[in-house]
Protein backbone atom coordinates (compact mmCIF):
# COMPACT_ATOMS: atom_id res chain seq x y z
CA MET A 1 -14.54 1.37 -5.02
CA THR A 2 -17.01 -1.17 -3.67
CA ILE A 3 -19.63 1.48 -2.96
CA PHE A 4 -19.20 2.93 -6.46
CA PHE A 5 -19.50 -0.50 -8.05
CA ASP A 6 -22.53 -1.45 -5.95
CA THR A 7 -24.30 1.82 -6.61
CA PHE A 8 -23.77 2.04 -10.36
CA PHE A 9 -23.72 -1.58 -11.43
CA GLY A 10 -26.76 -2.86 -9.60
CA ASP A 11 -25.27 -5.03 -6.88
CA VAL A 12 -28.45 -4.52 -4.86
CA LYS A 13 -29.04 -7.93 -3.28
CA LYS A 14 -27.69 -7.97 0.25
CA ILE A 15 -27.31 -10.60 2.92
CA ARG A 16 -28.42 -9.31 6.32
CA LYS A 17 -26.98 -10.43 9.65
CA LYS A 18 -29.78 -12.85 10.55
CA GLU A 19 -29.63 -14.51 7.13
CA PHE A 20 -25.81 -14.66 7.32
CA ASP A 21 -25.97 -16.37 10.71
CA GLU A 22 -28.46 -18.93 9.37
CA LEU A 23 -26.33 -19.62 6.30
CA LEU A 24 -23.27 -20.32 8.44
CA LYS A 25 -25.27 -22.81 10.54
CA GLN A 26 -26.06 -24.72 7.33
CA ILE A 27 -22.39 -25.51 6.72
CA PRO A 28 -21.72 -28.71 8.68
CA GLU A 29 -17.97 -28.49 8.14
CA LEU A 30 -17.72 -25.42 10.38
CA SER A 31 -17.21 -25.63 14.13
CA LYS A 32 -18.83 -23.15 16.52
CA GLU A 33 -15.48 -21.42 16.91
CA GLU A 34 -15.10 -21.06 13.15
CA ILE A 35 -18.65 -19.71 12.84
CA ASN A 36 -17.90 -17.14 15.55
CA TYR A 37 -14.68 -16.21 13.77
CA LEU A 38 -16.55 -15.67 10.48
CA LYS A 39 -19.19 -13.56 12.22
CA GLU A 40 -16.41 -11.34 13.53
CA VAL A 41 -14.69 -11.14 10.12
CA PHE A 42 -17.90 -10.09 8.34
CA LYS A 43 -19.29 -8.00 11.22
CA GLY A 44 -18.54 -4.54 9.81
CA ASP A 45 -20.04 -5.27 6.40
CA LEU A 46 -23.15 -6.87 7.86
CA SER A 47 -24.30 -3.64 9.49
CA ASP A 48 -25.59 -2.40 6.10
CA GLY A 49 -26.03 -5.82 4.52
CA LEU A 50 -23.39 -7.83 2.72
CA THR A 51 -23.18 -7.25 -1.05
CA LEU A 52 -21.86 -9.62 -3.68
CA SER A 53 -18.66 -7.64 -4.10
CA GLU A 54 -18.09 -7.59 -0.33
CA VAL A 55 -18.58 -11.36 -0.14
CA LYS A 56 -16.05 -11.89 -2.92
CA GLN A 57 -13.58 -9.50 -1.30
CA LYS A 58 -13.83 -11.10 2.16
CA ILE A 59 -13.61 -14.63 0.77
CA GLU A 60 -10.50 -13.67 -1.18
CA ARG A 61 -8.89 -12.39 2.03
CA LEU A 62 -9.91 -15.52 3.93
CA SER A 63 -8.41 -17.77 1.26
CA HIS A 64 -5.04 -16.06 1.75
CA ASN A 65 -5.13 -15.90 5.54
CA TYR A 66 -3.12 -18.84 6.81
CA ASN A 67 -3.25 -17.66 10.43
CA ASP A 68 -6.88 -18.57 11.06
CA SER A 69 -8.44 -21.96 11.76
CA LEU A 70 -10.23 -22.21 8.41
CA ASP A 71 -8.75 -24.48 5.79
CA SER A 72 -9.24 -24.01 2.04
CA PHE A 73 -12.08 -26.55 1.93
CA GLU A 74 -14.03 -24.66 4.60
CA VAL A 75 -13.45 -21.32 2.88
CA LYS A 76 -14.76 -22.87 -0.34
CA LYS A 77 -17.90 -24.08 1.46
CA VAL A 78 -18.52 -20.63 2.95
CA LYS A 79 -18.06 -19.06 -0.48
CA GLU A 80 -20.48 -21.49 -2.13
CA LYS A 81 -23.13 -21.02 0.56
CA LEU A 82 -22.97 -17.23 0.50
CA LEU A 83 -22.84 -16.94 -3.29
CA GLU A 84 -25.96 -19.07 -3.73
CA LYS A 85 -27.89 -16.09 -2.28
CA PHE A 86 -26.90 -13.90 -5.22
């Protein structure tokens, strides 16, 4: 569904791995461990670049994952930082 949406509805802006890594470093609320965790979570999608719909999908999953070290405030900060690129 994501590929269909991205292809036909113009979701062409993508965040590449290097840019993603830099964006995470700009979020002072995140520890090194949390940054590494996020890099692992987004790793598969970053190989082709992260689209808007993929960002939204991953953030939604993170906001409902209570087994990781990220709290809701940190997830919100990640969401804000990534979405400002779109």
